[in-house]
Amino acid sequence: MSAMRKPIVALAMLLGTSALPAAELVEQIVARVNDLLITQSEFDRRVAMAEKAARGSTSLDEVRRTVLEDLIREKLLEERAREVSVTATDEEVTAAVARVKAQYNLTTDEAFDASLAQSGLTRDDLKRQMRQTITLQKVIGRDVASKLELTDDQLRLEYERQKEQLYAIPESARVAEILLNFLPSDAEARQKAVAKIEEIRARIKSGTPFADLAKEFSEGGTRDKGGDLGTVNKGELVEALDAVIFTTPPVEYPPPAILPGSIHLFRVTDFHPAGFKTFSAVKEDLRKRISDDLYEKRFTEYMDKLRRDAFVKIYDADLAKLDEKKG
């Protein structure tokens, strides 16, 4: 199937309301939410799409329970929208439809209509459903999101509480290396490498630049760059090398580190101790983290209150039992 003709299944599931006019829905009622009804066909259609999305990873009972909860929430939000006179404008609907076309790379009206048809929708159905979705989002924005105010004092308190977990900065230093390799089983080669490193150290002490010696003798991948490894954080290298590089106090030319098959001579500059990112640097990230967590909490509380204050009757006995088990 070409990308141009791919059905908008994900969108249809997200929007989820029936594409049939209300007048044609003379059928069994699954549940009542105040004066709004959830029909059997509406429920079955949503379950089918949810099962397809789950791909067998969720039990049918869990899918049905989740779909029922989502539909009840939608009805509660629809009623709330009417109470506070919130709706979507024609311009908002038109812009939302355009975003859908762009998302699915549907550049022609013919491809757009064909893709909608494969999902059981018409363009009018899509507009109606987009209008509902935007309206519900506006209600949530009005009643929940707009009330998520965080002061600097609250953010600073959270910063102090979470900085070790989220914003720690390890020790770091600019490191250059001269590396000599040898076979672990060749004791003579190992001794020669140690002797060569000592000669190099002597030349450093006499004033020869480390980078020049690295270009001449190093067998590492950074030889052509004068052995420059760039900025290295503590913990990035093996423990034996870390122990040589990150000392207190820092040493520009620490003793060589000998590993089973190599010897390493380092130059350590621009040492920075461990610390934390500043509050000002992470303030917006922190605000987003707290807002996301707080939003979930407040949204759940908001929906629970709407349901407590509403008349909700589930007529399907099996669904009623599933609903009692939620949470």
C-alpha atoms as a PDB file:
ATOM      1  CA  MET A   1       0.000   0.000   0.000  1.00  0.00           C
ATOM      2  CA  SER A   2       1.466   3.364  -0.989  1.00  0.00           C
ATOM      3  CA  ALA A   3       1.980   6.081   1.589  1.00  0.00           C
ATOM      4  CA  MET A   4      -0.541   8.203  -0.280  1.00  0.00           C
ATOM      5  CA  ARG A   5      -3.296   5.668   0.269  1.00  0.00           C
ATOM      6  CA  LYS A   6      -2.490   4.651   3.846  1.00  0.00           C
ATOM      7  CA  PRO A   7      -5.699   4.704   5.934  1.00  0.00           C
ATOM      8  CA  ILE A   8      -5.847   7.143   8.797  1.00  0.00           C
ATOM      9  CA  VAL A   9      -6.407   4.409  11.370  1.00  0.00           C
ATOM     10  CA  ALA A  10      -4.442   6.067  14.169  1.00  0.00           C
ATOM     11  CA  LEU A  11      -6.356   9.291  13.730  1.00  0.00           C
ATOM     12  CA  ALA A  12      -9.694   7.527  13.653  1.00  0.00           C
ATOM     13  CA  MET A  13      -8.799   5.750  16.882  1.00  0.00           C
ATOM     14  CA  LEU A  14      -7.668   8.971  18.532  1.00  0.00           C
ATOM     15  CA  LEU A  15     -10.863  10.761  17.621  1.00  0.00           C
ATOM     16  CA  GLY A  16     -12.943   7.677  17.988  1.00  0.00           C
ATOM     17  CA  THR A  17     -16.507   8.973  17.821  1.00  0.00           C
ATOM     18  CA  SER A  18     -19.011   7.377  15.523  1.00  0.00           C
ATOM     19  CA  ALA A  19     -19.064   8.529  11.924  1.00  0.00           C
ATOM     20  CA  LEU A  20     -22.802   7.815  11.696  1.00  0.00           C
ATOM     21  CA  PRO A  21     -25.309  10.608  12.311  1.00  0.00           C
ATOM     22  CA  ALA A  22     -27.128  10.345  15.610  1.00  0.00           C
ATOM     23  CA  ALA A  23     -30.434   9.774  13.872  1.00  0.00           C
ATOM     24  CA  GLU A  24     -29.192   6.450  12.472  1.00  0.00           C
ATOM     25  CA  LEU A  25     -28.130   5.066  15.853  1.00  0.00           C
ATOM     26  CA  VAL A  26     -31.217   3.240  17.000  1.00  0.00           C
ATOM     27  CA  GLU A  27     -29.556   0.473  18.939  1.00  0.00           C
ATOM     28  CA  GLN A  28     -28.460  -0.906  22.288  1.00  0.00           C
ATOM     29  CA  ILE A  29     -27.081   1.544  24.835  1.00  0.00           C
ATOM     30  CA  VAL A  30     -23.883   0.557  26.672  1.00  0.00           C
ATOM     31  CA  ALA A  31     -23.848   3.411  29.170  1.00  0.00           C
ATOM     32  CA  ARG A  32     -25.427   6.751  30.023  1.00  0.00           C
ATOM     33  CA  VAL A  33     -23.476   9.780  31.205  1.00  0.00           C
ATOM     34  CA  ASN A  34     -26.030  12.338  32.392  1.00  0.00           C
ATOM     35  CA  ASP A  35     -27.979  13.032  29.196  1.00  0.00           C
ATOM     36  CA  LEU A  36     -25.361  11.606  26.815  1.00  0.00           C
ATOM     37  CA  LEU A  37     -25.326   8.010  25.608  1.00  0.00           C
ATOM     38  CA  ILE A  38     -22.584   5.557  24.685  1.00  0.00           C
ATOM     39  CA  THR A  39     -23.957   3.231  22.021  1.00  0.00           C
ATOM     40  CA  GLN A  40     -22.987  -0.356  21.337  1.00  0.00           C
ATOM     41  CA  SER A  41     -21.682   0.432  17.844  1.00  0.00           C
ATOM     42  CA  GLU A  42     -19.600   3.339  19.171  1.00  0.00           C
ATOM     43  CA  PHE A  43     -18.131   1.138  21.873  1.00  0.00           C
ATOM     44  CA  ASP A  44     -17.482  -1.836  19.557  1.00  0.00           C
ATOM     45  CA  ARG A  45     -15.795   0.374  16.983  1.00  0.00           C
ATOM     46  CA  ARG A  46     -13.438   1.821  19.580  1.00  0.00           C
ATOM     47  CA  VAL A  47     -12.636  -1.623  21.002  1.00  0.00           C
ATOM     48  CA  ALA A  48     -11.763  -2.927  17.524  1.00  0.00           C
ATOM     49  CA  MET A  49      -9.376  -0.040  16.894  1.00  0.00           C
ATOM     50  CA  ALA A  50      -7.835  -0.345  20.366  1.00  0.00           C
ATOM     51  CA  GLU A  51      -7.263  -4.088  19.889  1.00  0.00           C
ATOM     52  CA  LYS A  52      -5.564  -3.405  16.580  1.00  0.00           C
ATOM     53  CA  ALA A  53      -3.281  -0.829  18.191  1.00  0.00           C
ATOM     54  CA  ALA A  54      -2.486  -3.111  21.156  1.00  0.00           C
ATOM     55  CA  ARG A  55      -1.451  -5.980  18.843  1.00  0.00           C
ATOM     56  CA  GLY A  56      -2.175  -8.585  21.462  1.00  0.00           C
ATOM     57  CA  SER A  57      -0.103  -6.937  24.190  1.00  0.00           C
ATOM     58  CA  THR A  58      -3.185  -6.186  26.318  1.00  0.00           C
ATOM     59  CA  SER A  59      -6.011  -8.487  27.377  1.00  0.00           C
ATOM     60  CA  LEU A  60      -9.448  -7.967  25.847  1.00  0.00           C
ATOM     61  CA  ASP A  61     -10.921  -7.167  29.264  1.00  0.00           C
ATOM     62  CA  GLU A  62      -8.326  -4.435  29.811  1.00  0.00           C
ATOM     63  CA  VAL A  63      -8.944  -3.017  26.331  1.00  0.00           C
ATOM     64  CA  ARG A  64     -12.704  -2.927  26.932  1.00  0.00           C
ATOM     65  CA  ARG A  65     -12.296  -1.347  30.372  1.00  0.00           C
ATOM     66  CA  THR A  66      -9.961   1.333  29.019  1.00  0.00           C
ATOM     67  CA  VAL A  67     -12.232   2.121  26.079  1.00  0.00           C
ATOM     68  CA  LEU A  68     -15.230   2.438  28.389  1.00  0.00           C
ATOM     69  CA  GLU A  69     -13.333   4.791  30.698  1.00  0.00           C
ATOM     70  CA  ASP A  70     -12.174   6.909  27.751  1.00  0.00           C
ATOM     71  CA  LEU A  71     -15.698   7.188  26.356  1.00  0.00           C
ATOM     72  CA  ILE A  72     -17.148   8.146  29.738  1.00  0.00           C
ATOM     73  CA  ARG A  73     -14.482  10.821  30.113  1.00  0.00           C
ATOM     74  CA  GLU A  74     -15.244  12.175  26.657  1.00  0.00           C
ATOM     75  CA  LYS A  75     -18.946  12.451  27.456  1.00  0.00           C
ATOM     76  CA  LEU A  76     -18.173  14.216  30.723  1.00  0.00           C
ATOM     77  CA  LEU A  77     -15.939  16.693  28.899  1.00  0.00           C
ATOM     78  CA  GLU A  78     -18.549  17.227  26.158  1.00  0.00           C
ATOM     79  CA  GLU A  79     -21.082  18.178  28.790  1.00  0.00           C
ATOM     80  CA  ARG A  80     -18.585  20.432  30.542  1.00  0.00           C
ATOM     81  CA  ALA A  81     -17.893  22.179  27.228  1.00  0.00           C
ATOM     82  CA  ARG A  82     -21.583  22.983  26.894  1.00  0.00           C
ATOM     83  CA  GLU A  83     -21.720  24.287  30.452  1.00  0.00           C
ATOM     84  CA  VAL A  84     -18.908  26.778  29.904  1.00  0.00           C
ATOM     85  CA  SER A  85     -19.752  27.529  26.238  1.00  0.00           C
ATOM     86  CA  VAL A  86     -16.460  26.258  24.848  1.00  0.00           C
ATOM     87  CA  THR A  87     -16.246  25.181  21.225  1.00  0.00           C
ATOM     88  CA  ALA A  88     -13.819  24.988  18.316  1.00  0.00           C
ATOM     89  CA  THR A  89     -13.834  27.660  15.642  1.00  0.00           C
ATOM     90  CA  ASP A  90     -14.047  26.888  11.917  1.00  0.00           C
ATOM     91  CA  GLU A  91     -10.513  28.239  11.506  1.00  0.00           C
ATOM     92  CA  GLU A  92      -9.186  25.855  14.174  1.00  0.00           C
ATOM     93  CA  VAL A  93     -10.887  22.892  12.514  1.00  0.00           C
ATOM     94  CA  THR A  94      -9.535  23.826   9.082  1.00  0.00           C
ATOM     95  CA  ALA A  95      -5.999  24.137  10.484  1.00  0.00           C
ATOM     96  CA  ALA A  96      -6.305  20.776  12.271  1.00  0.00           C
ATOM     97  CA  VAL A  97      -7.440  19.025   9.072  1.00  0.00           C
ATOM     98  CA  ALA A  98      -4.501  20.558   7.209  1.00  0.00           C
ATOM     99  CA  ARG A  99      -2.132  19.181   9.849  1.00  0.00           C
ATOM    100  CA  VAL A 100      -3.620  15.711   9.393  1.00  0.00           C
ATOM    101  CA  LYS A 101      -3.063  15.888   5.633  1.00  0.00           C
ATOM    102  CA  ALA A 102       0.539  16.945   6.160  1.00  0.00           C
ATOM    103  CA  GLN A 103       1.142  14.271   8.798  1.00  0.00           C
ATOM    104  CA  TYR A 104       0.048  11.513   6.419  1.00  0.00           C
ATOM    105  CA  ASN A 105       1.687  13.137   3.375  1.00  0.00           C
ATOM    106  CA  LEU A 106      -1.659  13.441   1.594  1.00  0.00           C
ATOM    107  CA  THR A 107      -0.931  16.132  -0.968  1.00  0.00           C
ATOM    108  CA  THR A 108      -4.102  15.829  -3.065  1.00  0.00           C
ATOM    109  CA  ASP A 109      -7.793  15.847  -2.158  1.00  0.00           C
ATOM    110  CA  GLU A 110      -8.219  12.526  -3.986  1.00  0.00           C
ATOM    111  CA  ALA A 111      -5.565  10.819  -1.854  1.00  0.00           C
ATOM    112  CA  PHE A 112      -7.003  12.420   1.282  1.00  0.00           C
ATOM    113  CA  ASP A 113     -10.545  11.192   0.572  1.00  0.00           C
ATOM    114  CA  ALA A 114      -9.311   7.705  -0.336  1.00  0.00           C
ATOM    115  CA  SER A 115      -7.331   7.434   2.890  1.00  0.00           C
ATOM    116  CA  LEU A 116     -10.305   8.600   4.936  1.00  0.00           C
ATOM    117  CA  ALA A 117     -12.562   6.097   3.174  1.00  0.00           C
ATOM    118  CA  GLN A 118     -10.279   3.226   4.140  1.00  0.00           C
ATOM    119  CA  SER A 119     -10.791   4.251   7.770  1.00  0.00           C
ATOM    120  CA  GLY A 120     -14.565   4.447   7.310  1.00  0.00           C
ATOM    121  CA  LEU A 121     -14.639   8.249   7.367  1.00  0.00           C
ATOM    122  CA  THR A 122     -15.638  11.102   5.083  1.00  0.00           C
ATOM    123  CA  ARG A 123     -14.200  14.588   5.123  1.00  0.00           C
ATOM    124  CA  ASP A 124     -17.277  15.848   6.978  1.00  0.00           C
ATOM    125  CA  ASP A 125     -16.841  13.075   9.554  1.00  0.00           C
ATOM    126  CA  LEU A 126     -13.248  14.135  10.085  1.00  0.00           C
ATOM    127  CA  LYS A 127     -14.182  17.795  10.509  1.00  0.00           C
ATOM    128  CA  ARG A 128     -16.894  16.891  13.000  1.00  0.00           C
ATOM    129  CA  GLN A 129     -14.525  14.711  14.981  1.00  0.00           C
ATOM    130  CA  MET A 130     -11.724  17.280  14.883  1.00  0.00           C
ATOM    131  CA  ARG A 131     -14.162  19.882  16.172  1.00  0.00           C
ATOM    132  CA  GLN A 132     -15.014  17.601  19.088  1.00  0.00           C
ATOM    133  CA  THR A 133     -11.350  16.869  19.850  1.00  0.00           C
ATOM    134  CA  ILE A 134     -10.348  20.538  19.809  1.00  0.00           C
ATOM    135  CA  THR A 135     -13.318  21.416  21.988  1.00  0.00           C
ATOM    136  CA  LEU A 136     -12.388  18.804  24.589  1.00  0.00           C
ATOM    137  CA  GLN A 137      -8.773  19.990  24.555  1.00  0.00           C
ATOM    138  CA  LYS A 138      -9.970  23.539  25.170  1.00  0.00           C
ATOM    139  CA  VAL A 139     -12.027  22.429  28.153  1.00  0.00           C
ATOM    140  CA  ILE A 140      -9.021  20.657  29.651  1.00  0.00           C
ATOM    141  CA  GLY A 141      -6.865  23.699  28.975  1.00  0.00           C
ATOM    142  CA  ARG A 142      -9.395  25.973  30.663  1.00  0.00           C
ATOM    143  CA  ASP A 143     -10.087  23.815  33.720  1.00  0.00           C
ATOM    144  CA  VAL A 144      -6.740  22.060  34.259  1.00  0.00           C
ATOM    145  CA  ALA A 145      -3.718  23.349  32.339  1.00  0.00           C
ATOM    146  CA  SER A 146      -4.388  27.030  32.995  1.00  0.00           C
ATOM    147  CA  LYS A 147      -4.263  26.426  36.749  1.00  0.00           C
ATOM    148  CA  LEU A 148      -0.806  24.830  36.808  1.00  0.00           C
ATOM    149  CA  GLU A 149       1.120  27.782  38.198  1.00  0.00           C
ATOM    150  CA  LEU A 150       4.612  27.215  39.582  1.00  0.00           C
ATOM    151  CA  THR A 151       6.482  29.927  41.482  1.00  0.00           C
ATOM    152  CA  ASP A 152      10.258  30.305  41.514  1.00  0.00           C
ATOM    153  CA  ASP A 153      10.245  29.262  45.161  1.00  0.00           C
ATOM    154  CA  GLN A 154       8.504  26.004  44.267  1.00  0.00           C
ATOM    155  CA  LEU A 155      10.947  25.384  41.431  1.00  0.00           C
ATOM    156  CA  ARG A 156      13.977  26.098  43.662  1.00  0.00           C
ATOM    157  CA  LEU A 157      12.673  23.700  46.286  1.00  0.00           C
ATOM    158  CA  GLU A 158      12.265  20.982  43.668  1.00  0.00           C
ATOM    159  CA  TYR A 159      15.713  21.799  42.278  1.00  0.00           C
ATOM    160  CA  GLU A 160      17.327  21.173  45.655  1.00  0.00           C
ATOM    161  CA  ARG A 161      15.349  17.971  46.064  1.00  0.00           C
ATOM    162  CA  GLN A 162      16.228  16.501  42.656  1.00  0.00           C
ATOM    163  CA  LYS A 163      19.534  18.079  41.625  1.00  0.00           C
ATOM    164  CA  GLU A 164      21.656  15.095  42.670  1.00  0.00           C
ATOM    165  CA  GLN A 165      19.524  12.762  40.599  1.00  0.00           C
ATOM    166  CA  LEU A 166      18.877  14.986  37.579  1.00  0.00           C
ATOM    167  CA  TYR A 167      21.487  17.712  37.357  1.00  0.00           C
ATOM    168  CA  ALA A 168      24.775  16.346  38.698  1.00  0.00           C
ATOM    169  CA  ILE A 169      27.907  17.218  36.715  1.00  0.00           C
ATOM    170  CA  PRO A 170      30.823  14.774  37.077  1.00  0.00           C
ATOM    171  CA  GLU A 171      34.454  15.770  37.377  1.00  0.00           C
ATOM    172  CA  SER A 172      35.908  16.588  33.996  1.00  0.00           C
ATOM    173  CA  ALA A 173      39.205  17.544  32.412  1.00  0.00           C
ATOM    174  CA  ARG A 174      40.825  18.133  29.053  1.00  0.00           C
ATOM    175  CA  VAL A 175      42.976  15.079  28.443  1.00  0.00           C
ATOM    176  CA  ALA A 176      45.716  14.268  25.963  1.00  0.00           C
ATOM    177  CA  GLU A 177      47.283  10.823  25.706  1.00  0.00           C
ATOM    178  CA  ILE A 178      50.391   9.050  24.524  1.00  0.00           C
ATOM    179  CA  LEU A 179      49.602   5.358  24.128  1.00  0.00           C
ATOM    180  CA  LEU A 180      51.993   2.472  23.587  1.00  0.00           C
ATOM    181  CA  ASN A 181      50.718  -1.062  23.002  1.00  0.00           C
ATOM    182  CA  PHE A 182      52.288  -4.463  23.703  1.00  0.00           C
ATOM    183  CA  LEU A 183      51.176  -8.064  23.896  1.00  0.00           C
ATOM    184  CA  PRO A 184      50.060  -8.929  27.458  1.00  0.00           C
ATOM    185  CA  SER A 185      52.124 -12.134  27.311  1.00  0.00           C
ATOM    186  CA  ASP A 186      55.313 -10.392  26.087  1.00  0.00           C
ATOM    187  CA  ALA A 187      57.177  -9.257  29.196  1.00  0.00           C
ATOM    188  CA  GLU A 188      60.085  -7.884  27.163  1.00  0.00           C
ATOM    189  CA  ALA A 189      57.797  -5.719  25.006  1.00  0.00           C
ATOM    190  CA  ARG A 190      56.118  -4.458  28.142  1.00  0.00           C
ATOM    191  CA  GLN A 191      59.463  -3.440  29.639  1.00  0.00           C
ATOM    192  CA  LYS A 192      60.454  -1.655  26.443  1.00  0.00           C
ATOM    193  CA  ALA A 193      57.179   0.289  26.444  1.00  0.00           C
ATOM    194  CA  VAL A 194      57.754   1.335  30.067  1.00  0.00           C
ATOM    195  CA  ALA A 195      61.264   2.463  29.203  1.00  0.00           C
ATOM    196  CA  LYS A 196      60.055   4.422  26.174  1.00  0.00           C
ATOM    197  CA  ILE A 197      57.434   6.187  28.274  1.00  0.00           C
ATOM    198  CA  GLU A 198      60.113   7.178  30.779  1.00  0.00           C
ATOM    199  CA  GLU A 199      62.199   8.651  27.952  1.00  0.00           C
ATOM    200  CA  ILE A 200      59.154  10.610  26.789  1.00  0.00           C
ATOM    201  CA  ARG A 201      58.510  11.881  30.314  1.00  0.00           C
ATOM    202  CA  ALA A 202      62.103  13.094  30.493  1.00  0.00           C
ATOM    203  CA  ARG A 203      61.702  14.994  27.226  1.00  0.00           C
ATOM    204  CA  ILE A 204      58.492  16.593  28.544  1.00  0.00           C
ATOM    205  CA  LYS A 205      60.365  17.772  31.630  1.00  0.00           C
ATOM    206  CA  SER A 206      63.063  19.234  29.385  1.00  0.00           C
ATOM    207  CA  GLY A 207      60.463  21.301  27.552  1.00  0.00           C
ATOM    208  CA  THR A 208      59.376  19.298  24.505  1.00  0.00           C
ATOM    209  CA  PRO A 209      55.638  19.871  23.888  1.00  0.00           C
ATOM    210  CA  PHE A 210      53.418  16.913  24.778  1.00  0.00           C
ATOM    211  CA  ALA A 211      51.537  17.185  21.460  1.00  0.00           C
ATOM    212  CA  ASP A 212      54.753  16.899  19.457  1.00  0.00           C
ATOM    213  CA  LEU A 213      55.745  13.774  21.356  1.00  0.00           C
ATOM    214  CA  ALA A 214      52.283  12.271  20.901  1.00  0.00           C
ATOM    215  CA  LYS A 215      52.491  12.783  17.132  1.00  0.00           C
ATOM    216  CA  GLU A 216      55.907  11.135  17.116  1.00  0.00           C
ATOM    217  CA  PHE A 217      55.385   8.168  19.448  1.00  0.00           C
ATOM    218  CA  SER A 218      51.717   7.524  20.297  1.00  0.00           C
ATOM    219  CA  GLU A 219      50.000   4.453  18.867  1.00  0.00           C
ATOM    220  CA  GLY A 220      46.519   5.685  19.740  1.00  0.00           C
ATOM    221  CA  GLY A 221      43.786   6.908  17.429  1.00  0.00           C
ATOM    222  CA  THR A 222      44.334  10.537  18.439  1.00  0.00           C
ATOM    223  CA  ARG A 223      48.001  10.582  17.440  1.00  0.00           C
ATOM    224  CA  ASP A 224      47.493  13.039  14.556  1.00  0.00           C
ATOM    225  CA  LYS A 225      45.722  15.442  16.942  1.00  0.00           C
ATOM    226  CA  GLY A 226      48.639  15.478  19.341  1.00  0.00           C
ATOM    227  CA  GLY A 227      46.942  12.854  21.505  1.00  0.00           C
ATOM    228  CA  ASP A 228      44.011  15.151  22.301  1.00  0.00           C
ATOM    229  CA  LEU A 229      41.040  13.176  23.700  1.00  0.00           C
ATOM    230  CA  GLY A 230      38.997  16.321  24.327  1.00  0.00           C
ATOM    231  CA  THR A 231      37.010  16.809  27.500  1.00  0.00           C
ATOM    232  CA  VAL A 232      36.658  13.590  29.475  1.00  0.00           C
ATOM    233  CA  ASN A 233      34.166  13.060  32.309  1.00  0.00           C
ATOM    234  CA  LYS A 234      35.053  10.891  35.250  1.00  0.00           C
ATOM    235  CA  GLY A 235      33.544   7.465  34.662  1.00  0.00           C
ATOM    236  CA  GLU A 236      33.888   7.535  30.875  1.00  0.00           C
ATOM    237  CA  LEU A 237      37.198   5.655  30.871  1.00  0.00           C
ATOM    238  CA  VAL A 238      38.107   2.411  32.599  1.00  0.00           C
ATOM    239  CA  GLU A 239      38.613   2.702  36.348  1.00  0.00           C
ATOM    240  CA  ALA A 240      42.398   2.351  36.217  1.00  0.00           C
ATOM    241  CA  LEU A 241      42.695   5.315  33.845  1.00  0.00           C
ATOM    242  CA  ASP A 242      40.166   7.377  35.808  1.00  0.00           C
ATOM    243  CA  ALA A 243      42.225   6.868  38.946  1.00  0.00           C
ATOM    244  CA  VAL A 244      45.304   8.337  37.263  1.00  0.00           C
ATOM    245  CA  ILE A 245      43.556  11.275  35.559  1.00  0.00           C
ATOM    246  CA  PHE A 246      41.243  12.426  38.344  1.00  0.00           C
ATOM    247  CA  THR A 247      43.386  13.017  41.391  1.00  0.00           C
ATOM    248  CA  THR A 248      43.119  15.449  44.319  1.00  0.00           C
ATOM    249  CA  PRO A 249      44.782  17.819  43.822  1.00  0.00           C
ATOM    250  CA  PRO A 250      44.852  17.586  40.012  1.00  0.00           C
ATOM    251  CA  VAL A 251      48.210  16.813  38.379  1.00  0.00           C
ATOM    252  CA  GLU A 252      49.058  17.987  34.869  1.00  0.00           C
ATOM    253  CA  TYR A 253      51.398  15.074  34.166  1.00  0.00           C
ATOM    254  CA  PRO A 254      50.311  12.131  36.349  1.00  0.00           C
ATOM    255  CA  PRO A 255      52.321   8.882  36.515  1.00  0.00           C
ATOM    256  CA  PRO A 256      51.705   6.528  33.583  1.00  0.00           C
ATOM    257  CA  ALA A 257      48.883   4.001  33.810  1.00  0.00           C
ATOM    258  CA  ILE A 258      49.779   0.432  32.875  1.00  0.00           C
ATOM    259  CA  LEU A 259      47.043  -1.910  31.640  1.00  0.00           C
ATOM    260  CA  PRO A 260      47.472  -5.572  30.594  1.00  0.00           C
ATOM    261  CA  GLY A 261      48.256  -4.642  26.962  1.00  0.00           C
ATOM    262  CA  SER A 262      49.064  -0.944  26.981  1.00  0.00           C
ATOM    263  CA  ILE A 263      50.696   1.939  28.794  1.00  0.00           C
ATOM    264  CA  HIS A 264      49.156   5.416  28.904  1.00  0.00           C
ATOM    265  CA  LEU A 265      50.812   8.749  29.587  1.00  0.00           C
ATOM    266  CA  PHE A 266      48.413  11.657  30.098  1.00  0.00           C
ATOM    267  CA  ARG A 267      48.429  15.403  30.146  1.00  0.00           C
ATOM    268  CA  VAL A 268      45.503  16.733  32.198  1.00  0.00           C
ATOM    269  CA  THR A 269      44.390  20.371  31.928  1.00  0.00           C
ATOM    270  CA  ASP A 270      41.231  22.443  32.484  1.00  0.00           C
ATOM    271  CA  PHE A 271      40.161  20.326  35.434  1.00  0.00           C
ATOM    272  CA  HIS A 272      36.618  20.946  36.701  1.00  0.00           C
ATOM    273  CA  PRO A 273      35.397  19.450  39.991  1.00  0.00           C
ATOM    274  CA  ALA A 274      32.065  17.689  40.301  1.00  0.00           C
ATOM    275  CA  GLY A 275      29.060  19.929  40.836  1.00  0.00           C
ATOM    276  CA  PHE A 276      25.556  20.648  39.615  1.00  0.00           C
ATOM    277  CA  LYS A 277      23.991  22.534  36.756  1.00  0.00           C
ATOM    278  CA  THR A 278      22.822  25.927  37.967  1.00  0.00           C
ATOM    279  CA  PHE A 279      19.198  26.586  38.809  1.00  0.00           C
ATOM    280  CA  SER A 280      18.927  29.190  36.064  1.00  0.00           C
ATOM    281  CA  ALA A 281      20.254  26.717  33.480  1.00  0.00           C
ATOM    282  CA  VAL A 282      17.709  24.008  34.335  1.00  0.00           C
ATOM    283  CA  LYS A 283      14.761  26.140  35.429  1.00  0.00           C
ATOM    284  CA  GLU A 284      12.667  25.570  32.295  1.00  0.00           C
ATOM    285  CA  ASP A 285      13.470  21.864  32.151  1.00  0.00           C
ATOM    286  CA  LEU A 286      12.458  21.598  35.792  1.00  0.00           C
ATOM    287  CA  ARG A 287       9.250  23.514  35.134  1.00  0.00           C
ATOM    288  CA  LYS A 288       8.333  21.103  32.342  1.00  0.00           C
ATOM    289  CA  ARG A 289       9.098  18.029  34.446  1.00  0.00           C
ATOM    290  CA  ILE A 290       7.004  19.274  37.354  1.00  0.00           C
ATOM    291  CA  SER A 291       4.224  20.523  35.098  1.00  0.00           C
ATOM    292  CA  ASP A 292       3.978  17.166  33.325  1.00  0.00           C
ATOM    293  CA  ASP A 293       3.753  15.261  36.614  1.00  0.00           C
ATOM    294  CA  LEU A 294       1.404  17.813  38.132  1.00  0.00           C
ATOM    295  CA  TYR A 295      -0.784  17.836  35.046  1.00  0.00           C
ATOM    296  CA  GLU A 296      -1.326  14.076  35.226  1.00  0.00           C
ATOM    297  CA  LYS A 297      -2.263  14.348  38.897  1.00  0.00           C
ATOM    298  CA  ARG A 298      -4.578  17.334  38.442  1.00  0.00           C
ATOM    299  CA  PHE A 299      -6.191  15.892  35.312  1.00  0.00           C
ATOM    300  CA  THR A 300      -6.982  12.633  37.101  1.00  0.00           C
ATOM    301  CA  GLU A 301      -8.417  14.538  40.057  1.00  0.00           C
ATOM    302  CA  TYR A 302     -10.460  16.723  37.708  1.00  0.00           C
ATOM    303  CA  MET A 303     -11.944  13.779  35.810  1.00  0.00           C
ATOM    304  CA  ASP A 304     -12.680  11.929  39.051  1.00  0.00           C
ATOM    305  CA  LYS A 305     -14.611  14.944  40.322  1.00  0.00           C
ATOM    306  CA  LEU A 306     -16.573  15.301  37.082  1.00  0.00           C
ATOM    307  CA  ARG A 307     -17.571  11.663  37.346  1.00  0.00           C
ATOM    308  CA  ARG A 308     -18.486  11.859  41.036  1.00  0.00           C
ATOM    309  CA  ASP A 309     -20.768  14.792  40.273  1.00  0.00           C
ATOM    310  CA  ALA A 310     -22.367  13.114  37.269  1.00  0.00           C
ATOM    311  CA  PHE A 311     -24.967  10.418  36.766  1.00  0.00           C
ATOM    312  CA  VAL A 312     -23.176   7.466  35.158  1.00  0.00           C
ATOM    313  CA  LYS A 313     -25.064   4.250  34.500  1.00  0.00           C
ATOM    314  CA  ILE A 314     -23.427   1.251  32.795  1.00  0.00           C
ATOM    315  CA  TYR A 315     -26.081  -1.055  31.401  1.00  0.00           C
ATOM    316  CA  ASP A 316     -23.784  -3.889  30.292  1.00  0.00           C
ATOM    317  CA  ALA A 317     -23.268  -6.062  33.389  1.00  0.00           C
ATOM    318  CA  ASP A 318     -19.840  -7.346  32.334  1.00  0.00           C
ATOM    319  CA  LEU A 319     -18.612  -3.839  31.623  1.00  0.00           C
ATOM    320  CA  ALA A 320     -19.987  -2.625  34.923  1.00  0.00           C
ATOM    321  CA  LYS A 321     -17.872  -5.237  36.716  1.00  0.00           C
ATOM    322  CA  LEU A 322     -14.780  -4.213  34.760  1.00  0.00           C
ATOM    323  CA  ASP A 323     -15.415  -0.581  35.609  1.00  0.00           C
ATOM    324  CA  GLU A 324     -15.571  -1.405  39.311  1.00  0.00           C
ATOM    325  CA  LYS A 325     -12.092  -2.958  39.098  1.00  0.00           C
ATOM    326  CA  LYS A 326     -10.390   0.078  37.570  1.00  0.00           C
ATOM    327  CA  GLY A 327      -7.611   1.910  39.394  1.00  0.00           C
END
